[in-house]
Amino acid sequence: MPVRGGWREPLAFGLLVGSIGSMFTFFWEFMAASMGFLKPLWGVSNSASSPLVFLLFIFLSPLFVTINLLISSVIIHVLLLLVRGGKNGYEATFRVVAYSQATRVWSVIPFLGGAIGWIWRSIVYIIGLKEAQETSYGRVILAFSIPFALLIVFVSGLIIFLLRFIKI
């Protein structure tokens, strides 16, 4: 994949494949909600099984995917810059994120497809970013580890706060 060459083709690809994947995800969730499978598990209201809500999500899917592509690319690129792994610029990162939407085809498989696609997309991100940014696997994995480390620090701090200052 070239790291330069414009935004149109990667955006179009990511938008098309990502939207199809999102539509399948919404479809399977709608089917589960309309059959009553989600309510006992997550307390989802009956409105999730409404055809109007389903059509709204399907209609807005391209917008959600576009926003996701742009924001995910910015976050990933900033994390790469923090570990000095963003050598080839934001466009290279955006192209990897956009083309990685191909993994969303797994969403055609009910319920498990999204998880399989997420795992595969993570692998594609790591390999794609290593190659596109001409950096090491270590830097890419470190960049992806930063949010998890921050989450652990935050949760640990919250637990310590609750244990020290709130008497149950």
N, C-alpha and C. Protein backbone atom coordinates (compact mmCIF):
# COMPACT_ATOMS: atom_id res chain seq x y z
N MET A 1 0.84 -1.17 0.00
CA MET A 1 0.00 0.00 0.00
C MET A 1 0.89 1.24 0.00
N PRO A 2 0.68 2.13 -0.93
CA PRO A 2 1.44 3.38 -0.89
C PRO A 2 0.98 4.24 0.29
N VAL A 3 1.93 4.93 0.89
CA VAL A 3 1.60 5.77 2.05
C VAL A 3 1.14 7.16 1.64
N ARG A 4 1.27 7.48 0.39
CA ARG A 4 0.79 8.75 -0.15
C ARG A 4 -0.06 8.43 -1.39
N GLY A 5 -0.82 9.40 -1.82
CA GLY A 5 -1.61 9.17 -3.03
C GLY A 5 -3.03 9.65 -2.91
N GLY A 6 -3.31 10.36 -1.85
CA GLY A 6 -4.65 10.93 -1.73
C GLY A 6 -5.52 10.18 -0.74
N TRP A 7 -6.62 10.84 -0.43
CA TRP A 7 -7.54 10.35 0.58
C TRP A 7 -8.78 9.70 -0.01
N ARG A 8 -9.08 10.00 -1.26
CA ARG A 8 -10.35 9.59 -1.85
C ARG A 8 -10.53 8.08 -1.90
N GLU A 9 -9.55 7.36 -2.44
CA GLU A 9 -9.70 5.91 -2.58
C GLU A 9 -9.76 5.20 -1.23
N PRO A 10 -8.85 5.51 -0.28
CA PRO A 10 -8.98 4.83 1.02
C PRO A 10 -10.28 5.17 1.73
N LEU A 11 -10.70 6.43 1.66
CA LEU A 11 -11.95 6.82 2.31
C LEU A 11 -13.13 6.10 1.67
N ALA A 12 -13.16 6.04 0.35
CA ALA A 12 -14.26 5.36 -0.35
C ALA A 12 -14.30 3.88 0.02
N PHE A 13 -13.13 3.24 0.04
CA PHE A 13 -13.06 1.83 0.39
C PHE A 13 -13.53 1.62 1.83
N GLY A 14 -12.95 2.39 2.75
CA GLY A 14 -13.31 2.25 4.16
C GLY A 14 -14.78 2.53 4.41
N LEU A 15 -15.30 3.53 3.73
CA LEU A 15 -16.70 3.90 3.88
C LEU A 15 -17.62 2.80 3.35
N LEU A 16 -17.31 2.26 2.19
CA LEU A 16 -18.14 1.22 1.60
C LEU A 16 -18.11 -0.06 2.44
N VAL A 17 -16.93 -0.58 2.69
CA VAL A 17 -16.82 -1.85 3.40
C VAL A 17 -17.23 -1.68 4.87
N GLY A 18 -16.82 -0.57 5.48
CA GLY A 18 -17.19 -0.33 6.87
C GLY A 18 -18.69 -0.17 7.04
N SER A 19 -19.34 0.49 6.10
CA SER A 19 -20.79 0.67 6.18
C SER A 19 -21.51 -0.66 6.02
N ILE A 20 -21.06 -1.48 5.11
CA ILE A 20 -21.68 -2.80 4.94
C ILE A 20 -21.51 -3.62 6.21
N GLY A 21 -20.31 -3.60 6.78
CA GLY A 21 -20.08 -4.32 8.03
C GLY A 21 -20.95 -3.80 9.15
N SER A 22 -21.07 -2.48 9.25
CA SER A 22 -21.91 -1.88 10.30
C SER A 22 -23.38 -2.25 10.09
N MET A 23 -23.81 -2.26 8.85
CA MET A 23 -25.20 -2.62 8.57
C MET A 23 -25.49 -4.05 8.99
N PHE A 24 -24.56 -4.96 8.73
CA PHE A 24 -24.75 -6.34 9.18
C PHE A 24 -24.76 -6.42 10.70
N THR A 25 -23.88 -5.68 11.35
CA THR A 25 -23.86 -5.66 12.82
C THR A 25 -25.19 -5.16 13.36
N PHE A 26 -25.68 -4.03 12.81
CA PHE A 26 -26.97 -3.50 13.24
C PHE A 26 -28.09 -4.51 12.97
N PHE A 27 -28.02 -5.20 11.83
CA PHE A 27 -29.05 -6.18 11.48
C PHE A 27 -29.09 -7.30 12.51
N TRP A 28 -27.92 -7.87 12.86
CA TRP A 28 -27.91 -8.97 13.82
C TRP A 28 -28.36 -8.51 15.19
N GLU A 29 -27.98 -7.29 15.59
CA GLU A 29 -28.43 -6.76 16.88
C GLU A 29 -29.93 -6.52 16.87
N PHE A 30 -30.44 -6.02 15.75
CA PHE A 30 -31.88 -5.82 15.61
C PHE A 30 -32.63 -7.14 15.71
N MET A 31 -32.11 -8.16 15.04
CA MET A 31 -32.76 -9.47 15.08
C MET A 31 -32.76 -10.02 16.51
N ALA A 32 -31.63 -9.90 17.19
CA ALA A 32 -31.54 -10.40 18.57
C ALA A 32 -32.49 -9.64 19.48
N ALA A 33 -32.57 -8.32 19.32
CA ALA A 33 -33.45 -7.49 20.16
C ALA A 33 -34.91 -7.80 19.86
N SER A 34 -35.24 -7.98 18.59
CA SER A 34 -36.64 -8.22 18.24
C SER A 34 -37.10 -9.60 18.68
N MET A 35 -36.17 -10.54 18.85
CA MET A 35 -36.52 -11.86 19.36
C MET A 35 -36.45 -11.93 20.88
N GLY A 36 -36.04 -10.81 21.51
CA GLY A 36 -36.00 -10.76 22.96
C GLY A 36 -34.73 -11.30 23.59
N PHE A 37 -33.69 -11.55 22.79
CA PHE A 37 -32.46 -12.11 23.34
C PHE A 37 -31.63 -11.09 24.12
N LEU A 38 -31.69 -9.83 23.76
CA LEU A 38 -30.82 -8.84 24.40
C LEU A 38 -31.37 -8.33 25.73
N LYS A 39 -32.68 -8.31 25.88
CA LYS A 39 -33.25 -7.70 27.08
C LYS A 39 -32.79 -8.39 28.37
N PRO A 40 -32.81 -9.70 28.46
CA PRO A 40 -32.37 -10.31 29.72
C PRO A 40 -30.88 -10.11 29.98
N LEU A 41 -30.10 -9.95 28.92
CA LEU A 41 -28.66 -9.85 29.09
C LEU A 41 -28.21 -8.44 29.42
N TRP A 42 -28.70 -7.45 28.70
CA TRP A 42 -28.19 -6.09 28.85
C TRP A 42 -29.27 -5.08 29.21
N GLY A 43 -30.49 -5.51 29.39
CA GLY A 43 -31.53 -4.58 29.75
C GLY A 43 -31.91 -3.63 28.63
N VAL A 44 -31.72 -4.07 27.38
CA VAL A 44 -32.04 -3.22 26.24
C VAL A 44 -33.55 -3.07 26.15
N SER A 45 -33.98 -1.85 25.95
CA SER A 45 -35.42 -1.61 25.88
C SER A 45 -35.98 -2.12 24.55
N ASN A 46 -37.30 -2.15 24.49
CA ASN A 46 -37.97 -2.61 23.28
C ASN A 46 -37.73 -1.70 22.09
N SER A 47 -37.29 -0.46 22.34
CA SER A 47 -37.06 0.47 21.24
C SER A 47 -35.91 0.00 20.34
N ALA A 48 -34.98 -0.82 20.87
CA ALA A 48 -33.88 -1.32 20.05
C ALA A 48 -34.39 -2.27 18.98
N SER A 49 -35.55 -2.87 19.21
CA SER A 49 -36.10 -3.78 18.22
C SER A 49 -37.08 -3.08 17.29
N SER A 50 -37.19 -1.78 17.39
CA SER A 50 -38.09 -1.01 16.54
C SER A 50 -37.54 -0.92 15.12
N PRO A 51 -38.38 -1.19 14.12
CA PRO A 51 -37.92 -1.04 12.74
C PRO A 51 -37.45 0.37 12.40
N LEU A 52 -38.06 1.37 13.04
CA LEU A 52 -37.66 2.76 12.80
C LEU A 52 -36.23 3.00 13.29
N VAL A 53 -35.90 2.49 14.47
CA VAL A 53 -34.54 2.62 15.00
C VAL A 53 -33.56 1.88 14.10
N PHE A 54 -33.95 0.70 13.66
CA PHE A 54 -33.11 -0.09 12.76
C PHE A 54 -32.82 0.68 11.47
N LEU A 55 -33.85 1.24 10.86
CA LEU A 55 -33.67 2.00 9.62
C LEU A 55 -32.83 3.26 9.86
N LEU A 56 -32.99 3.90 10.99
CA LEU A 56 -32.20 5.07 11.33
C LEU A 56 -30.72 4.70 11.42
N PHE A 57 -30.41 3.60 12.11
CA PHE A 57 -29.03 3.16 12.21
C PHE A 57 -28.46 2.79 10.84
N ILE A 58 -29.23 2.11 10.03
CA ILE A 58 -28.78 1.74 8.68
C ILE A 58 -28.51 3.00 7.86
N PHE A 59 -29.41 3.96 7.92
CA PHE A 59 -29.27 5.20 7.16
C PHE A 59 -28.06 6.00 7.62
N LEU A 60 -27.81 6.03 8.93
CA LEU A 60 -26.71 6.82 9.48
C LEU A 60 -25.37 6.07 9.51
N SER A 61 -25.39 4.82 9.12
CA SER A 61 -24.18 4.00 9.16
C SER A 61 -22.99 4.63 8.43
N PRO A 62 -23.15 5.16 7.21
CA PRO A 62 -22.00 5.79 6.55
C PRO A 62 -21.43 6.99 7.33
N LEU A 63 -22.30 7.74 7.97
CA LEU A 63 -21.83 8.86 8.80
C LEU A 63 -21.03 8.34 9.99
N PHE A 64 -21.55 7.31 10.67
CA PHE A 64 -20.84 6.73 11.81
C PHE A 64 -19.48 6.19 11.38
N VAL A 65 -19.43 5.52 10.25
CA VAL A 65 -18.17 4.93 9.77
C VAL A 65 -17.18 6.03 9.43
N THR A 66 -17.62 7.09 8.77
CA THR A 66 -16.72 8.20 8.42
C THR A 66 -16.14 8.84 9.67
N ILE A 67 -16.99 9.12 10.64
CA ILE A 67 -16.51 9.71 11.89
C ILE A 67 -15.53 8.77 12.58
N ASN A 68 -15.87 7.50 12.60
CA ASN A 68 -15.00 6.50 13.22
C ASN A 68 -13.63 6.45 12.53
N LEU A 69 -13.63 6.46 11.21
CA LEU A 69 -12.36 6.42 10.46
C LEU A 69 -11.48 7.62 10.82
N LEU A 70 -12.06 8.80 10.81
CA LEU A 70 -11.29 10.01 11.07
C LEU A 70 -10.79 10.08 12.51
N ILE A 71 -11.66 9.81 13.47
CA ILE A 71 -11.26 9.90 14.87
C ILE A 71 -10.28 8.79 15.23
N SER A 72 -10.53 7.58 14.78
CA SER A 72 -9.61 6.47 15.06
C SER A 72 -8.23 6.75 14.49
N SER A 73 -8.19 7.28 13.29
CA SER A 73 -6.91 7.59 12.66
C SER A 73 -6.14 8.65 13.45
N VAL A 74 -6.84 9.67 13.92
CA VAL A 74 -6.19 10.72 14.70
C VAL A 74 -5.63 10.14 16.00
N ILE A 75 -6.45 9.38 16.71
CA ILE A 75 -6.01 8.80 17.98
C ILE A 75 -4.81 7.87 17.78
N ILE A 76 -4.91 6.99 16.80
CA ILE A 76 -3.81 6.06 16.55
C ILE A 76 -2.56 6.81 16.14
N HIS A 77 -2.71 7.83 15.31
CA HIS A 77 -1.52 8.56 14.87
C HIS A 77 -0.88 9.32 16.03
N VAL A 78 -1.67 9.93 16.89
CA VAL A 78 -1.12 10.62 18.06
C VAL A 78 -0.38 9.63 18.95
N LEU A 79 -0.94 8.45 19.16
CA LEU A 79 -0.26 7.42 19.96
C LEU A 79 1.05 7.00 19.31
N LEU A 80 1.04 6.88 17.98
CA LEU A 80 2.29 6.55 17.27
C LEU A 80 3.31 7.66 17.42
N LEU A 81 2.87 8.90 17.35
CA LEU A 81 3.79 10.02 17.52
C LEU A 81 4.41 10.03 18.92
N LEU A 82 3.62 9.63 19.92
CA LEU A 82 4.14 9.58 21.29
C LEU A 82 5.30 8.60 21.45
N VAL A 83 5.27 7.53 20.66
CA VAL A 83 6.35 6.53 20.74
C VAL A 83 7.32 6.67 19.57
N ARG A 84 7.23 7.79 18.88
CA ARG A 84 8.09 8.09 17.72
C ARG A 84 7.98 7.04 16.62
N GLY A 85 6.74 6.69 16.33
CA GLY A 85 6.49 5.69 15.29
C GLY A 85 5.66 6.20 14.14
N GLY A 86 5.46 7.51 14.04
CA GLY A 86 4.61 8.07 12.99
C GLY A 86 5.40 8.76 11.90
N LYS A 87 6.43 8.10 11.42
CA LYS A 87 7.39 8.70 10.48
C LYS A 87 6.76 9.22 9.19
N ASN A 88 5.80 8.51 8.64
CA ASN A 88 5.26 8.86 7.33
C ASN A 88 3.98 9.68 7.37
N GLY A 89 3.62 10.21 8.53
CA GLY A 89 2.52 11.15 8.61
C GLY A 89 1.15 10.53 8.78
N TYR A 90 0.20 11.45 8.97
CA TYR A 90 -1.18 11.07 9.25
C TYR A 90 -1.81 10.33 8.07
N GLU A 91 -1.50 10.72 6.86
CA GLU A 91 -2.12 10.07 5.70
C GLU A 91 -1.84 8.58 5.69
N ALA A 92 -0.62 8.18 6.02
CA ALA A 92 -0.27 6.75 6.06
C ALA A 92 -1.11 6.02 7.10
N THR A 93 -1.28 6.65 8.26
CA THR A 93 -2.09 6.05 9.31
C THR A 93 -3.54 5.94 8.86
N PHE A 94 -4.06 7.01 8.26
CA PHE A 94 -5.44 6.99 7.79
C PHE A 94 -5.66 5.89 6.75
N ARG A 95 -4.71 5.72 5.86
CA ARG A 95 -4.84 4.70 4.83
C ARG A 95 -4.90 3.30 5.44
N VAL A 96 -4.08 3.05 6.46
CA VAL A 96 -4.11 1.74 7.13
C VAL A 96 -5.46 1.52 7.81
N VAL A 97 -5.93 2.53 8.52
CA VAL A 97 -7.21 2.42 9.22
C VAL A 97 -8.35 2.21 8.21
N ALA A 98 -8.33 2.95 7.12
CA ALA A 98 -9.39 2.84 6.12
C ALA A 98 -9.38 1.47 5.44
N TYR A 99 -8.23 1.01 5.03
CA TYR A 99 -8.16 -0.29 4.35
C TYR A 99 -8.38 -1.46 5.30
N SER A 100 -8.16 -1.24 6.59
CA SER A 100 -8.41 -2.31 7.56
C SER A 100 -9.90 -2.57 7.74
N GLN A 101 -10.73 -1.70 7.21
CA GLN A 101 -12.17 -1.92 7.28
C GLN A 101 -12.57 -3.19 6.54
N ALA A 102 -11.69 -3.70 5.72
CA ALA A 102 -11.98 -4.96 5.01
C ALA A 102 -12.29 -6.08 5.99
N THR A 103 -11.74 -6.00 7.20
CA THR A 103 -12.00 -7.04 8.20
C THR A 103 -13.44 -7.02 8.70
N ARG A 104 -14.16 -5.98 8.38
CA ARG A 104 -15.55 -5.88 8.84
C ARG A 104 -16.47 -6.82 8.08
N VAL A 105 -15.96 -7.46 7.02
CA VAL A 105 -16.78 -8.44 6.31
C VAL A 105 -17.15 -9.61 7.22
N TRP A 106 -16.39 -9.81 8.28
CA TRP A 106 -16.71 -10.86 9.25
C TRP A 106 -18.06 -10.61 9.90
N SER A 107 -18.57 -9.40 9.82
CA SER A 107 -19.85 -9.07 10.45
C SER A 107 -21.02 -9.80 9.81
N VAL A 108 -20.82 -10.43 8.68
CA VAL A 108 -21.91 -11.19 8.07
C VAL A 108 -22.23 -12.43 8.91
N ILE A 109 -21.30 -12.85 9.74
CA ILE A 109 -21.53 -14.00 10.63
C ILE A 109 -22.23 -13.46 11.88
N PRO A 110 -23.37 -14.02 12.20
CA PRO A 110 -24.12 -13.51 13.36
C PRO A 110 -23.33 -13.58 14.66
N PHE A 111 -23.34 -12.47 15.38
CA PHE A 111 -22.83 -12.34 16.75
C PHE A 111 -21.32 -12.53 16.89
N LEU A 112 -20.75 -13.63 16.45
CA LEU A 112 -19.31 -13.86 16.59
C LEU A 112 -18.49 -13.15 15.54
N GLY A 113 -19.08 -12.82 14.42
CA GLY A 113 -18.35 -12.19 13.33
C GLY A 113 -17.72 -10.87 13.71
N GLY A 114 -18.42 -10.08 14.49
CA GLY A 114 -17.88 -8.79 14.93
C GLY A 114 -16.63 -8.96 15.77
N ALA A 115 -16.64 -9.95 16.66
CA ALA A 115 -15.47 -10.20 17.52
C ALA A 115 -14.30 -10.72 16.70
N ILE A 116 -14.58 -11.61 15.78
CA ILE A 116 -13.52 -12.14 14.91
C ILE A 116 -12.93 -11.00 14.09
N GLY A 117 -13.79 -10.15 13.54
CA GLY A 117 -13.34 -9.01 12.75
C GLY A 117 -12.51 -8.04 13.57
N TRP A 118 -12.90 -7.81 14.82
CA TRP A 118 -12.16 -6.89 15.69
C TRP A 118 -10.75 -7.43 15.96
N ILE A 119 -10.65 -8.72 16.23
CA ILE A 119 -9.33 -9.33 16.48
C ILE A 119 -8.48 -9.24 15.21
N TRP A 120 -9.07 -9.60 14.07
CA TRP A 120 -8.32 -9.55 12.82
C TRP A 120 -7.93 -8.12 12.46
N ARG A 121 -8.82 -7.15 12.72
CA ARG A 121 -8.52 -5.75 12.43
C ARG A 121 -7.35 -5.27 13.30
N SER A 122 -7.29 -5.72 14.54
CA SER A 122 -6.17 -5.35 15.41
C SER A 122 -4.85 -5.86 14.84
N ILE A 123 -4.87 -7.07 14.33
CA ILE A 123 -3.67 -7.65 13.71
C ILE A 123 -3.29 -6.87 12.46
N VAL A 124 -4.28 -6.54 11.65
CA VAL A 124 -4.04 -5.77 10.43
C VAL A 124 -3.49 -4.39 10.77
N TYR A 125 -4.03 -3.76 11.81
CA TYR A 125 -3.50 -2.46 12.25
C TYR A 125 -2.01 -2.58 12.58
N ILE A 126 -1.66 -3.56 13.37
CA ILE A 126 -0.27 -3.69 13.82
C ILE A 126 0.66 -3.92 12.63
N ILE A 127 0.30 -4.85 11.77
CA ILE A 127 1.15 -5.13 10.60
C ILE A 127 1.16 -3.94 9.65
N GLY A 128 -0.03 -3.40 9.36
CA GLY A 128 -0.13 -2.28 8.42
C GLY A 128 0.59 -1.03 8.89
N LEU A 129 0.45 -0.71 10.17
CA LEU A 129 1.11 0.49 10.69
C LEU A 129 2.62 0.30 10.75
N LYS A 130 3.07 -0.89 11.07
CA LYS A 130 4.52 -1.16 11.07
C LYS A 130 5.10 -0.90 9.69
N GLU A 131 4.43 -1.40 8.67
CA GLU A 131 4.92 -1.24 7.30
C GLU A 131 4.74 0.19 6.79
N ALA A 132 3.55 0.76 6.98
CA ALA A 132 3.27 2.09 6.44
C ALA A 132 4.10 3.18 7.13
N GLN A 133 4.33 3.03 8.41
CA GLN A 133 5.08 4.05 9.15
C GLN A 133 6.57 3.71 9.24
N GLU A 134 6.96 2.59 8.66
CA GLU A 134 8.36 2.16 8.66
C GLU A 134 8.94 2.20 10.07
N THR A 135 8.26 1.52 10.98
CA THR A 135 8.68 1.47 12.37
C THR A 135 8.72 0.01 12.81
N SER A 136 8.93 -0.22 14.08
CA SER A 136 9.01 -1.59 14.59
C SER A 136 7.67 -2.04 15.16
N TYR A 137 7.53 -3.37 15.27
CA TYR A 137 6.34 -3.91 15.91
C TYR A 137 6.26 -3.43 17.35
N GLY A 138 7.41 -3.33 18.01
CA GLY A 138 7.45 -2.89 19.40
C GLY A 138 6.84 -1.51 19.59
N ARG A 139 7.17 -0.58 18.70
CA ARG A 139 6.62 0.79 18.80
C ARG A 139 5.10 0.79 18.56
N VAL A 140 4.67 0.01 17.59
CA VAL A 140 3.23 -0.03 17.29
C VAL A 140 2.47 -0.66 18.46
N ILE A 141 2.98 -1.76 18.98
CA ILE A 141 2.32 -2.42 20.10
C ILE A 141 2.35 -1.52 21.34
N LEU A 142 3.46 -0.82 21.56
CA LEU A 142 3.55 0.12 22.67
C LEU A 142 2.52 1.24 22.52
N ALA A 143 2.37 1.75 21.31
CA ALA A 143 1.37 2.80 21.06
C ALA A 143 -0.03 2.30 21.38
N PHE A 144 -0.35 1.07 21.00
CA PHE A 144 -1.67 0.50 21.29
C PHE A 144 -1.84 0.17 22.77
N SER A 145 -0.74 0.01 23.49
CA SER A 145 -0.80 -0.33 24.91
C SER A 145 -1.05 0.90 25.79
N ILE A 146 -0.75 2.08 25.31
CA ILE A 146 -0.90 3.29 26.11
C ILE A 146 -2.32 3.47 26.64
N PRO A 147 -3.38 3.35 25.82
CA PRO A 147 -4.73 3.52 26.39
C PRO A 147 -5.06 2.48 27.46
N PHE A 148 -4.61 1.26 27.27
CA PHE A 148 -4.87 0.22 28.27
C PHE A 148 -4.14 0.53 29.57
N ALA A 149 -2.91 1.00 29.47
CA ALA A 149 -2.15 1.37 30.67
C ALA A 149 -2.83 2.52 31.40
N LEU A 150 -3.30 3.52 30.66
CA LEU A 150 -4.01 4.63 31.28
C LEU A 150 -5.31 4.17 31.94
N LEU A 151 -5.99 3.25 31.31
CA LEU A 151 -7.22 2.70 31.89
C LEU A 151 -6.93 1.97 33.19
N ILE A 152 -5.87 1.18 33.22
CA ILE A 152 -5.49 0.45 34.44
C ILE A 152 -5.14 1.44 35.55
N VAL A 153 -4.39 2.49 35.22
CA VAL A 153 -4.03 3.50 36.22
C VAL A 153 -5.29 4.18 36.73
N PHE A 154 -6.20 4.54 35.85
CA PHE A 154 -7.44 5.21 36.26
C PHE A 154 -8.29 4.32 37.15
N VAL A 155 -8.50 3.08 36.75
CA VAL A 155 -9.31 2.15 37.53
C VAL A 155 -8.66 1.88 38.88
N SER A 156 -7.35 1.70 38.89
CA SER A 156 -6.63 1.48 40.15
C SER A 156 -6.79 2.68 41.07
N GLY A 157 -6.64 3.87 40.54
CA GLY A 157 -6.82 5.09 41.33
C GLY A 157 -8.23 5.20 41.87
N LEU A 158 -9.20 4.85 41.06
CA LEU A 158 -10.60 4.90 41.48
C LEU A 158 -10.85 3.90 42.61
N ILE A 159 -10.31 2.71 42.49
CA ILE A 159 -10.48 1.69 43.53
C ILE A 159 -9.81 2.15 44.83
N ILE A 160 -8.61 2.69 44.72
CA ILE A 160 -7.91 3.19 45.92
C ILE A 160 -8.71 4.32 46.56
N PHE A 161 -9.23 5.22 45.74
CA PHE A 161 -10.05 6.32 46.27
C PHE A 161 -11.26 5.77 47.00
N LEU A 162 -11.95 4.84 46.37
CA LEU A 162 -13.16 4.28 46.98
C LEU A 162 -12.84 3.55 48.28
N LEU A 163 -11.75 2.82 48.31
CA LEU A 163 -11.38 2.08 49.51
C LEU A 163 -10.93 2.99 50.65
N ARG A 164 -10.28 4.09 50.34
CA ARG A 164 -9.75 4.98 51.37
C ARG A 164 -10.76 5.99 51.88
N PHE A 165 -11.60 6.52 51.02
CA PHE A 165 -12.44 7.65 51.42
C PHE A 165 -13.93 7.33 51.56
N ILE A 166 -14.35 6.21 51.08
CA ILE A 166 -15.77 5.87 51.21
C ILE A 166 -15.87 4.64 52.09
N LYS A 167 -16.54 4.80 53.18
CA LYS A 167 -16.73 3.69 54.12
C LYS A 167 -18.08 3.04 53.81
N ILE A 168 -18.03 1.79 53.51
CA ILE A 168 -19.26 1.07 53.16
C ILE A 168 -19.77 0.32 54.37
